[in-house]
N, C-alpha and C. Protein backbone atom coordinates (compact mmCIF):
# COMPACT_ATOMS: atom_id res chain seq x y z
N PRO A 1 -77.08 -19.45 200.13
CA PRO A 1 -75.87 -18.65 200.08
C PRO A 1 -75.07 -18.96 198.80
N ASP A 2 -74.51 -18.08 198.16
CA ASP A 2 -73.60 -18.39 196.93
C ASP A 2 -72.24 -18.81 197.47
N GLN A 3 -71.41 -19.16 196.58
CA GLN A 3 -69.96 -19.50 196.92
C GLN A 3 -69.19 -18.37 197.55
N LYS A 4 -69.42 -17.24 197.10
CA LYS A 4 -68.69 -16.14 197.79
C LYS A 4 -68.98 -15.86 199.19
N GLU A 5 -70.36 -16.04 199.58
CA GLU A 5 -70.71 -15.93 200.95
C GLU A 5 -70.24 -17.08 201.72
N ASN A 6 -70.31 -18.34 201.25
CA ASN A 6 -69.67 -19.56 201.71
C ASN A 6 -68.30 -19.23 202.23
N THR A 7 -67.40 -18.78 201.33
CA THR A 7 -66.18 -18.52 201.59
C THR A 7 -65.90 -17.41 202.56
N HIS A 8 -66.85 -16.34 202.61
CA HIS A 8 -66.67 -15.31 203.57
C HIS A 8 -67.06 -15.84 205.00
N PHE A 9 -67.98 -16.79 205.13
CA PHE A 9 -68.30 -17.30 206.37
C PHE A 9 -67.10 -18.09 206.99
N THR A 10 -66.56 -18.88 206.13
CA THR A 10 -65.48 -19.70 206.46
C THR A 10 -64.26 -18.86 206.94
N VAL A 11 -63.89 -17.80 206.09
CA VAL A 11 -62.98 -16.94 206.58
C VAL A 11 -63.18 -16.24 207.92
N LEU A 12 -64.42 -15.71 208.02
CA LEU A 12 -64.66 -15.10 209.26
C LEU A 12 -64.49 -15.99 210.51
N ILE A 13 -65.05 -17.33 210.40
CA ILE A 13 -64.82 -18.26 211.54
C ILE A 13 -63.33 -18.43 211.73
N HIS A 14 -62.47 -18.54 210.59
CA HIS A 14 -61.13 -18.87 210.81
C HIS A 14 -60.51 -17.50 211.51
N GLU A 15 -60.81 -16.32 211.07
CA GLU A 15 -60.27 -15.23 211.82
C GLU A 15 -60.70 -15.10 213.30
N LEU A 16 -61.97 -15.43 213.60
CA LEU A 16 -62.32 -15.40 214.93
C LEU A 16 -61.58 -16.45 215.80
N ALA A 17 -61.40 -17.52 215.21
CA ALA A 17 -60.56 -18.66 215.89
C ALA A 17 -59.20 -18.14 216.20
N GLU A 18 -58.59 -17.47 215.29
CA GLU A 18 -57.30 -16.95 215.46
C GLU A 18 -57.24 -15.83 216.58
N ALA A 19 -58.17 -15.00 216.54
CA ALA A 19 -58.47 -13.92 217.54
C ALA A 19 -58.50 -14.46 219.00
N PHE A 20 -59.46 -15.54 219.03
CA PHE A 20 -59.73 -16.09 220.27
C PHE A 20 -58.41 -16.76 220.93
N GLN A 21 -57.69 -17.47 220.02
CA GLN A 21 -56.33 -18.09 220.46
C GLN A 21 -55.49 -16.88 220.88
N LYS A 22 -55.24 -15.80 220.03
CA LYS A 22 -54.48 -14.80 220.46
C LYS A 22 -54.82 -14.10 221.84
N ASP A 23 -56.16 -13.86 222.02
CA ASP A 23 -56.53 -13.37 223.24
C ASP A 23 -56.16 -14.24 224.45
N PHE A 24 -56.36 -15.56 224.17
CA PHE A 24 -56.02 -16.58 225.18
C PHE A 24 -54.59 -16.57 225.67
N THR A 25 -53.71 -16.39 224.71
CA THR A 25 -52.25 -16.41 224.99
C THR A 25 -51.73 -15.15 225.76
N LYS A 26 -52.64 -14.04 225.63
CA LYS A 26 -52.20 -12.85 226.21
C LYS A 26 -52.95 -12.73 227.69
N SER A 27 -53.77 -13.58 228.00
CA SER A 27 -54.62 -13.38 229.24
C SER A 27 -54.46 -14.51 230.13
N THR A 28 -55.05 -14.47 231.39
CA THR A 28 -55.04 -15.49 232.13
C THR A 28 -56.49 -16.15 232.20
N LYS A 29 -57.42 -15.89 231.31
CA LYS A 29 -58.68 -16.28 231.13
C LYS A 29 -58.66 -17.64 230.30
N GLU A 30 -59.73 -18.27 230.67
CA GLU A 30 -60.00 -19.43 229.81
C GLU A 30 -60.19 -19.00 228.34
N ARG A 31 -59.88 -19.87 227.28
CA ARG A 31 -60.03 -19.54 225.89
C ARG A 31 -61.56 -19.59 225.64
N LEU A 32 -61.97 -18.49 224.91
CA LEU A 32 -63.37 -18.51 224.62
C LEU A 32 -63.74 -19.68 223.60
N LEU A 33 -64.88 -20.22 223.68
CA LEU A 33 -65.23 -21.17 222.72
C LEU A 33 -65.98 -20.58 221.61
N LEU A 34 -65.68 -21.09 220.33
CA LEU A 34 -66.24 -20.69 219.13
C LEU A 34 -67.03 -21.85 218.70
N THR A 35 -68.34 -21.48 218.58
CA THR A 35 -69.40 -22.47 218.17
C THR A 35 -70.30 -21.84 217.03
N ALA A 36 -70.98 -22.65 216.32
CA ALA A 36 -72.00 -22.20 215.32
C ALA A 36 -73.18 -23.12 215.19
N GLY A 37 -74.29 -22.46 215.06
CA GLY A 37 -75.63 -23.25 214.86
C GLY A 37 -75.79 -23.28 213.36
N VAL A 38 -75.79 -24.45 212.92
CA VAL A 38 -75.98 -24.68 211.31
C VAL A 38 -77.10 -25.48 210.92
N SER A 39 -77.38 -25.17 209.62
CA SER A 39 -78.49 -26.02 209.06
C SER A 39 -78.27 -27.59 209.13
N ALA A 40 -79.19 -28.38 209.23
CA ALA A 40 -79.00 -29.76 209.26
C ALA A 40 -79.39 -30.43 207.88
N GLY A 41 -80.02 -29.53 206.98
CA GLY A 41 -80.34 -30.10 205.78
C GLY A 41 -79.23 -30.48 204.89
N ARG A 42 -79.26 -31.64 204.14
CA ARG A 42 -78.08 -32.03 203.38
C ARG A 42 -77.78 -31.15 202.21
N GLN A 43 -78.72 -30.67 201.60
CA GLN A 43 -78.47 -29.78 200.47
C GLN A 43 -77.91 -28.51 200.89
N MET A 44 -78.38 -28.03 202.01
CA MET A 44 -77.85 -26.62 202.60
C MET A 44 -76.50 -26.89 202.95
N ILE A 45 -76.15 -27.94 203.71
CA ILE A 45 -74.78 -28.36 204.05
C ILE A 45 -73.80 -28.39 202.93
N ASP A 46 -74.15 -29.08 201.94
CA ASP A 46 -73.40 -29.12 200.71
C ASP A 46 -73.06 -27.88 199.88
N ASN A 47 -73.99 -27.03 199.99
CA ASN A 47 -73.98 -25.66 199.32
C ASN A 47 -73.56 -24.49 200.08
N SER A 48 -73.60 -24.61 201.37
CA SER A 48 -73.42 -23.44 202.19
C SER A 48 -72.11 -23.55 203.08
N TYR A 49 -71.68 -24.70 203.47
CA TYR A 49 -70.55 -24.77 204.28
C TYR A 49 -69.34 -25.45 203.81
N GLN A 50 -68.16 -25.01 204.17
CA GLN A 50 -66.98 -25.79 203.95
C GLN A 50 -66.70 -26.54 205.24
N VAL A 51 -67.29 -27.78 205.32
CA VAL A 51 -67.39 -28.45 206.50
C VAL A 51 -65.92 -28.75 207.06
N GLU A 52 -65.10 -29.25 206.38
CA GLU A 52 -63.72 -29.72 206.79
C GLU A 52 -63.00 -28.49 207.41
N LYS A 53 -63.08 -27.41 206.67
CA LYS A 53 -62.44 -26.25 207.21
C LYS A 53 -63.08 -25.63 208.38
N LEU A 54 -64.46 -25.63 208.49
CA LEU A 54 -65.15 -25.11 209.72
C LEU A 54 -64.87 -25.95 210.85
N ALA A 55 -64.78 -27.33 210.71
CA ALA A 55 -64.55 -28.18 211.77
C ALA A 55 -63.22 -27.93 212.55
N LYS A 56 -62.22 -27.45 211.81
CA LYS A 56 -60.94 -27.26 212.30
C LYS A 56 -60.88 -26.09 213.28
N ASP A 57 -61.81 -25.03 212.93
CA ASP A 57 -61.86 -23.86 213.75
C ASP A 57 -62.92 -23.74 214.79
N LEU A 58 -63.84 -24.52 214.65
CA LEU A 58 -65.09 -24.45 215.53
C LEU A 58 -64.86 -25.45 216.73
N ASP A 59 -65.16 -25.17 217.92
CA ASP A 59 -65.21 -26.00 219.06
C ASP A 59 -66.37 -26.86 219.08
N PHE A 60 -67.43 -26.39 218.73
CA PHE A 60 -68.67 -27.19 218.67
C PHE A 60 -69.42 -26.70 217.32
N ILE A 61 -70.12 -27.65 216.61
CA ILE A 61 -70.93 -27.44 215.51
C ILE A 61 -72.36 -27.86 216.05
N ASN A 62 -73.33 -27.06 216.12
CA ASN A 62 -74.66 -27.37 216.63
C ASN A 62 -75.55 -27.54 215.44
N LEU A 63 -76.17 -28.56 215.24
CA LEU A 63 -77.17 -28.74 214.02
C LEU A 63 -78.45 -28.23 214.58
N LEU A 64 -79.16 -27.28 213.61
CA LEU A 64 -80.41 -26.84 213.93
C LEU A 64 -81.44 -27.76 213.36
N SER A 65 -81.81 -28.75 214.05
CA SER A 65 -82.49 -29.98 213.45
C SER A 65 -83.83 -29.64 213.00
N PHE A 66 -84.36 -28.70 213.24
CA PHE A 66 -85.68 -28.36 212.69
C PHE A 66 -85.59 -28.04 211.15
N ASP A 67 -84.35 -28.04 210.67
CA ASP A 67 -84.22 -27.89 208.99
C ASP A 67 -84.34 -29.25 208.42
N PHE A 68 -84.61 -30.34 209.08
CA PHE A 68 -84.69 -31.57 208.37
C PHE A 68 -85.76 -31.68 207.46
N HIS A 69 -86.98 -30.91 207.83
CA HIS A 69 -88.18 -31.07 207.03
C HIS A 69 -88.77 -29.59 206.93
N GLY A 70 -89.44 -29.37 205.77
CA GLY A 70 -90.21 -28.07 205.83
C GLY A 70 -90.93 -27.82 204.42
N SER A 71 -91.37 -26.52 204.25
CA SER A 71 -92.18 -26.26 203.17
C SER A 71 -91.56 -26.37 201.82
N TRP A 72 -90.08 -26.54 201.72
CA TRP A 72 -89.34 -26.53 200.56
C TRP A 72 -89.36 -27.89 199.88
N GLU A 73 -89.96 -28.97 200.68
CA GLU A 73 -90.07 -30.27 200.08
C GLU A 73 -91.07 -30.50 199.14
N LYS A 74 -90.84 -31.05 198.13
CA LYS A 74 -91.78 -31.31 196.98
C LYS A 74 -91.66 -32.74 196.71
N PRO A 75 -92.78 -33.52 196.84
CA PRO A 75 -94.05 -33.22 197.50
C PRO A 75 -93.86 -32.92 199.01
N LEU A 76 -94.76 -32.12 199.47
CA LEU A 76 -94.59 -31.73 200.92
C LEU A 76 -94.87 -33.04 201.69
N ILE A 77 -93.87 -33.35 202.46
CA ILE A 77 -93.96 -34.52 203.38
C ILE A 77 -93.91 -34.05 204.86
N THR A 78 -94.35 -34.95 205.67
CA THR A 78 -94.39 -34.76 207.20
C THR A 78 -93.18 -35.52 207.81
N GLY A 79 -92.39 -34.78 208.59
CA GLY A 79 -91.23 -35.57 209.27
C GLY A 79 -90.95 -34.97 210.58
N HIS A 80 -90.28 -35.73 211.34
CA HIS A 80 -90.01 -35.37 212.57
C HIS A 80 -89.04 -34.27 212.60
N ASN A 81 -89.23 -33.24 213.67
CA ASN A 81 -88.29 -31.92 213.64
C ASN A 81 -86.89 -32.36 214.05
N SER A 82 -86.52 -33.44 214.77
CA SER A 82 -85.22 -33.88 215.00
C SER A 82 -85.03 -35.27 215.16
N PRO A 83 -84.98 -36.13 214.04
CA PRO A 83 -84.84 -37.50 214.25
C PRO A 83 -83.60 -37.90 214.76
N LEU A 84 -83.53 -39.07 215.31
CA LEU A 84 -82.28 -39.50 215.93
C LEU A 84 -81.41 -40.11 214.83
N SER A 85 -80.38 -39.46 214.38
CA SER A 85 -79.47 -40.02 213.34
C SER A 85 -78.06 -39.38 213.49
N LYS A 86 -77.12 -39.72 212.70
CA LYS A 86 -75.75 -39.18 212.80
C LYS A 86 -75.69 -37.97 211.97
N GLY A 87 -76.53 -37.45 211.05
CA GLY A 87 -76.48 -36.28 210.38
C GLY A 87 -75.18 -35.93 209.75
N TRP A 88 -74.51 -35.03 210.28
CA TRP A 88 -73.10 -34.49 209.56
C TRP A 88 -72.16 -35.48 209.72
N GLN A 89 -72.06 -36.44 210.60
CA GLN A 89 -71.09 -37.38 210.61
C GLN A 89 -71.11 -38.25 209.32
N ASP A 90 -72.26 -38.59 208.86
CA ASP A 90 -72.49 -39.28 207.51
C ASP A 90 -72.32 -38.26 206.38
N ARG A 91 -72.14 -37.18 206.75
CA ARG A 91 -72.12 -36.06 205.73
C ARG A 91 -73.67 -35.68 205.25
N GLY A 92 -89.34 -29.24 209.93
CA GLY A 92 -90.45 -28.54 210.14
C GLY A 92 -90.42 -27.73 211.49
N PRO A 93 -90.30 -26.66 211.52
CA PRO A 93 -90.16 -26.08 212.80
C PRO A 93 -90.85 -26.72 213.98
N SER A 94 -90.18 -26.70 215.10
CA SER A 94 -90.69 -27.27 216.24
C SER A 94 -91.66 -26.34 217.00
N SER A 95 -92.48 -26.92 217.81
CA SER A 95 -93.47 -26.09 218.52
C SER A 95 -93.05 -26.00 219.95
N TYR A 96 -93.67 -25.07 220.71
CA TYR A 96 -93.33 -24.77 222.11
C TYR A 96 -93.90 -26.13 222.80
N TYR A 97 -93.10 -26.61 223.76
CA TYR A 97 -93.38 -27.80 224.40
C TYR A 97 -94.73 -27.65 225.39
N ASN A 98 -94.97 -26.44 225.89
CA ASN A 98 -96.16 -26.23 226.69
C ASN A 98 -97.45 -26.35 225.75
N VAL A 99 -97.25 -25.88 224.58
CA VAL A 99 -98.33 -25.80 223.71
C VAL A 99 -98.57 -27.29 223.19
N ILE A 100 -97.58 -27.98 223.03
CA ILE A 100 -97.81 -29.37 222.54
C ILE A 100 -98.39 -30.24 223.73
N CYS A 101 -98.04 -29.98 224.99
CA CYS A 101 -98.61 -30.66 226.04
C CYS A 101 -100.18 -30.38 225.99
N GLN A 102 -100.59 -29.25 225.76
CA GLN A 102 -102.09 -28.90 225.68
C GLN A 102 -102.71 -29.71 224.46
N PHE A 103 -102.00 -29.83 223.40
CA PHE A 103 -102.39 -30.52 222.24
C PHE A 103 -102.45 -32.04 222.48
N LEU A 104 -101.73 -32.60 223.32
CA LEU A 104 -101.70 -34.05 223.55
C LEU A 104 -102.99 -34.38 224.17
N LYS A 105 -103.58 -33.54 224.84
CA LYS A 105 -104.78 -34.08 225.61
C LYS A 105 -105.87 -34.56 224.63
N GLY A 106 -106.19 -35.66 224.46
CA GLY A 106 -107.18 -36.29 223.42
C GLY A 106 -106.50 -36.63 222.15
N ALA A 107 -105.18 -36.61 222.02
CA ALA A 107 -104.48 -36.85 220.72
C ALA A 107 -104.02 -38.39 220.99
N LYS A 108 -103.81 -38.99 219.83
CA LYS A 108 -103.17 -40.46 219.63
C LYS A 108 -101.63 -40.30 219.64
N ILE A 109 -100.85 -40.73 220.62
CA ILE A 109 -99.61 -40.57 220.57
C ILE A 109 -98.86 -41.96 220.12
N THR A 110 -98.05 -41.87 219.24
CA THR A 110 -97.12 -42.84 218.83
C THR A 110 -95.71 -42.50 218.88
N ARG A 111 -94.79 -43.54 219.18
CA ARG A 111 -93.41 -43.47 219.16
C ARG A 111 -92.77 -44.21 218.00
N LEU A 112 -92.06 -43.35 217.15
CA LEU A 112 -91.41 -43.89 216.00
C LEU A 112 -90.12 -44.62 216.49
N GLN A 113 -90.18 -46.05 216.38
CA GLN A 113 -89.16 -46.86 216.93
C GLN A 113 -87.76 -46.58 216.22
N ASP A 114 -87.82 -46.31 214.93
CA ASP A 114 -86.39 -46.17 214.25
C ASP A 114 -85.86 -44.78 214.62
N GLN A 115 -86.57 -43.79 214.92
CA GLN A 115 -85.95 -42.46 215.22
C GLN A 115 -86.20 -42.31 216.83
N GLN A 116 -86.87 -43.10 217.50
CA GLN A 116 -87.11 -42.97 219.01
C GLN A 116 -87.58 -41.71 219.42
N VAL A 117 -88.54 -41.13 218.76
CA VAL A 117 -89.29 -39.95 219.09
C VAL A 117 -90.61 -40.15 218.81
N PRO A 118 -91.48 -39.23 219.73
CA PRO A 118 -92.88 -39.34 219.61
C PRO A 118 -93.66 -38.43 218.57
N TYR A 119 -94.88 -38.84 218.12
CA TYR A 119 -95.63 -37.83 217.36
C TYR A 119 -96.99 -38.10 217.85
N ALA A 120 -97.87 -37.08 217.60
CA ALA A 120 -99.23 -37.09 217.98
C ALA A 120 -100.17 -36.67 216.91
N VAL A 121 -101.40 -37.37 216.89
CA VAL A 121 -102.41 -37.11 215.87
C VAL A 121 -103.62 -36.63 216.53
N LYS A 122 -104.30 -35.63 216.12
CA LYS A 122 -105.54 -35.21 216.46
C LYS A 122 -106.34 -34.74 215.30
N GLY A 123 -107.41 -35.49 215.06
CA GLY A 123 -108.23 -35.06 213.73
C GLY A 123 -107.26 -35.11 212.51
N ASN A 124 -107.18 -34.02 211.86
CA ASN A 124 -106.27 -33.87 210.76
C ASN A 124 -104.88 -33.17 211.10
N GLN A 125 -104.63 -33.18 212.27
CA GLN A 125 -103.37 -32.35 212.66
C GLN A 125 -102.24 -33.46 213.10
N TRP A 126 -101.14 -33.29 212.54
CA TRP A 126 -100.02 -34.18 213.02
C TRP A 126 -98.86 -33.36 213.62
N VAL A 127 -98.27 -33.79 214.84
CA VAL A 127 -97.29 -32.94 215.41
C VAL A 127 -96.08 -33.92 215.90
N GLY A 128 -95.02 -33.60 215.34
CA GLY A 128 -93.78 -34.26 215.71
C GLY A 128 -93.04 -33.42 216.80
N TYR A 129 -92.69 -34.01 218.07
CA TYR A 129 -92.11 -33.30 219.07
C TYR A 129 -91.13 -34.03 219.95
N ASP A 130 -90.42 -33.55 220.72
CA ASP A 130 -89.60 -34.19 221.60
C ASP A 130 -90.20 -34.30 223.05
N ASP A 131 -89.97 -35.34 223.89
CA ASP A 131 -90.46 -35.39 225.17
C ASP A 131 -89.24 -35.71 226.05
N VAL A 132 -89.47 -35.95 227.28
CA VAL A 132 -88.39 -36.26 228.22
C VAL A 132 -87.58 -37.55 227.77
N LYS A 133 -88.34 -38.66 227.43
CA LYS A 133 -87.74 -39.93 227.02
C LYS A 133 -86.91 -39.61 225.80
N SER A 134 -87.51 -39.01 224.80
CA SER A 134 -86.64 -38.72 223.50
C SER A 134 -85.31 -37.98 223.70
N MET A 135 -85.36 -36.90 224.69
CA MET A 135 -84.37 -36.11 225.08
C MET A 135 -83.24 -37.04 225.83
N GLU A 136 -83.71 -37.84 226.60
CA GLU A 136 -82.68 -38.75 227.25
C GLU A 136 -82.14 -39.67 226.35
N THR A 137 -82.83 -40.12 225.38
CA THR A 137 -82.25 -40.95 224.42
C THR A 137 -81.27 -40.47 223.41
N LYS A 138 -81.52 -39.14 223.02
CA LYS A 138 -80.69 -38.40 222.33
C LYS A 138 -79.35 -38.08 223.00
N VAL A 139 -79.43 -37.77 224.20
CA VAL A 139 -78.26 -37.46 225.07
C VAL A 139 -77.44 -38.85 224.96
N GLN A 140 -78.13 -39.84 225.39
CA GLN A 140 -77.33 -41.26 225.27
C GLN A 140 -76.66 -41.42 223.87
N PHE A 141 -77.43 -41.19 222.94
CA PHE A 141 -76.84 -41.29 221.50
C PHE A 141 -75.59 -40.41 221.33
N LEU A 142 -75.63 -39.23 221.70
CA LEU A 142 -74.41 -38.35 221.63
C LEU A 142 -73.31 -38.78 222.51
N LYS A 143 -73.59 -39.28 223.58
CA LYS A 143 -72.56 -39.94 224.67
C LYS A 143 -71.88 -41.11 223.96
N ASN A 144 -72.63 -41.87 223.33
CA ASN A 144 -72.08 -43.19 222.63
C ASN A 144 -71.15 -42.72 221.60
N LEU A 145 -71.43 -41.52 220.79
CA LEU A 145 -70.62 -41.10 219.80
C LEU A 145 -69.46 -40.21 220.43
N ASN A 146 -69.36 -40.07 221.72
CA ASN A 146 -68.24 -39.35 222.32
C ASN A 146 -68.38 -37.97 221.72
N LEU A 147 -69.58 -37.39 221.58
CA LEU A 147 -69.72 -36.02 221.06
C LEU A 147 -69.50 -35.04 222.49
N GLY A 148 -69.31 -33.80 222.28
CA GLY A 148 -68.89 -32.88 223.35
C GLY A 148 -69.92 -32.33 224.09
N GLY A 149 -71.21 -32.55 223.69
CA GLY A 149 -72.27 -31.85 224.53
C GLY A 149 -73.60 -31.75 223.80
N ALA A 150 -74.48 -31.04 224.15
CA ALA A 150 -75.88 -30.89 223.48
C ALA A 150 -76.20 -29.36 223.46
N MET A 151 -76.95 -29.03 222.46
CA MET A 151 -77.46 -27.65 222.51
C MET A 151 -79.09 -27.84 222.34
N ILE A 152 -79.60 -26.72 222.88
CA ILE A 152 -81.08 -26.63 223.05
C ILE A 152 -81.54 -25.41 222.35
N TRP A 153 -82.39 -25.55 221.14
CA TRP A 153 -82.77 -24.55 220.44
C TRP A 153 -84.31 -24.45 220.63
N SER A 154 -84.92 -23.78 221.21
CA SER A 154 -84.36 -22.69 222.03
C SER A 154 -85.08 -22.78 223.43
N ILE A 155 -84.48 -22.33 224.47
CA ILE A 155 -84.91 -22.55 225.87
C ILE A 155 -86.29 -22.23 226.11
N ASP A 156 -86.65 -21.17 225.37
CA ASP A 156 -88.10 -20.64 225.63
C ASP A 156 -89.19 -21.53 224.95
N MET A 157 -88.82 -22.55 224.38
CA MET A 157 -89.61 -23.56 223.83
C MET A 157 -90.15 -24.60 224.73
N ASP A 158 -89.38 -24.66 225.98
CA ASP A 158 -89.65 -25.73 226.99
C ASP A 158 -90.82 -25.21 227.80
N ASP A 159 -91.39 -26.07 228.60
CA ASP A 159 -92.42 -25.48 229.50
C ASP A 159 -91.83 -24.94 230.72
N PHE A 160 -91.63 -23.59 230.70
CA PHE A 160 -90.80 -22.84 231.62
C PHE A 160 -91.54 -22.60 232.84
N THR A 161 -92.87 -22.67 232.92
CA THR A 161 -93.69 -22.49 234.06
C THR A 161 -93.77 -23.94 234.68
N GLY A 162 -93.65 -24.92 233.99
CA GLY A 162 -93.96 -26.22 234.62
C GLY A 162 -95.48 -26.47 234.77
N LYS A 163 -96.29 -25.74 234.49
CA LYS A 163 -97.85 -25.80 234.65
C LYS A 163 -98.50 -26.52 233.51
N SER A 164 -97.96 -26.39 232.27
CA SER A 164 -98.67 -27.05 231.15
C SER A 164 -98.57 -28.53 231.05
N CYS A 165 -97.37 -29.10 231.33
CA CYS A 165 -97.01 -30.40 231.14
C CYS A 165 -97.01 -31.20 232.38
N ASN A 166 -97.14 -30.49 233.58
CA ASN A 166 -97.10 -31.06 234.81
C ASN A 166 -95.76 -31.92 235.18
N GLN A 167 -94.70 -31.41 234.67
CA GLN A 167 -93.57 -32.18 234.81
C GLN A 167 -92.40 -31.14 235.42
N GLY A 168 -92.87 -30.09 235.93
CA GLY A 168 -91.99 -29.20 236.67
C GLY A 168 -91.42 -28.25 235.47
N PRO A 169 -90.91 -27.14 236.01
CA PRO A 169 -90.16 -26.22 235.13
C PRO A 169 -89.07 -26.76 234.22
N TYR A 170 -89.16 -26.43 233.01
CA TYR A 170 -88.06 -26.82 232.09
C TYR A 170 -87.77 -28.39 231.92
N PRO A 171 -88.90 -29.16 231.65
CA PRO A 171 -88.70 -30.79 231.83
C PRO A 171 -87.77 -31.20 230.79
N LEU A 172 -87.70 -30.55 229.59
CA LEU A 172 -86.74 -31.09 228.42
C LEU A 172 -85.36 -30.61 228.87
N VAL A 173 -85.15 -29.33 229.27
CA VAL A 173 -83.88 -28.95 229.70
C VAL A 173 -83.20 -29.71 230.89
N GLN A 174 -84.11 -30.02 231.79
CA GLN A 174 -83.67 -30.80 233.04
C GLN A 174 -83.46 -32.21 232.58
N ALA A 175 -84.25 -32.74 231.60
CA ALA A 175 -83.80 -34.15 231.15
C ALA A 175 -82.44 -34.19 230.51
N VAL A 176 -82.14 -33.28 229.77
CA VAL A 176 -80.83 -33.19 229.05
C VAL A 176 -79.73 -32.99 230.16
N LYS A 177 -79.97 -32.02 230.98
CA LYS A 177 -79.00 -31.70 232.14
C LYS A 177 -78.61 -33.14 232.96
N ARG A 178 -79.78 -33.76 233.42
CA ARG A 178 -79.72 -35.03 234.20
C ARG A 178 -78.67 -36.11 233.31
N SER A 179 -79.32 -36.14 232.13
CA SER A 179 -78.70 -37.34 231.21
C SER A 179 -77.22 -36.95 230.89
N LEU A 180 -77.03 -35.82 230.66
CA LEU A 180 -75.45 -35.50 230.44
C LEU A 180 -74.58 -35.72 231.62
N GLY A 181 -75.14 -35.55 232.65
CA GLY A 181 -74.25 -35.74 234.08
C GLY A 181 -72.91 -35.01 233.93
N SER A 182 -71.88 -35.69 234.02
CA SER A 182 -70.41 -35.08 233.94
C SER A 182 -69.84 -35.21 232.51
N LEU A 183 -70.52 -35.83 231.70
CA LEU A 183 -70.05 -36.07 230.39
C LEU A 183 -68.59 -36.10 230.27
């Protein structure tokens, strides 16, 4: 996005925040939350968002962590879809979990200790993914930072039938829910 689009987005968010507040003062309903799903890529953040202004108007900023790595990288590298790190505080698309569970049969699974996430290798294929343990670790990380909650993108990427991973329906969502507790 160019600077004009950057400014328009910031103005839109500000106007929405004002409208939400105005609506709240006129009604007996709870104030609507204003949130945004934004790129996690450093260059995109720097070029696309007025972070300080957006942070004043948004109730939650949710990072789309699949933006950490992708085809735009030269040389093309492999990286985890959502490594555990502070991201915005310091200033490759994921796959469906049920498909990953099938891929894991016969794959060599390794856990990256620094990012606390698993990856699997089978032949010439490498897959970075989240599992129940990495989701629990990420929730503990956000609780340690006193962040307001978690976002899952997207719910249909979990094992919704519970049959592929043999962990019950929505094992990743359930891990987040259990780990969040009463936050």
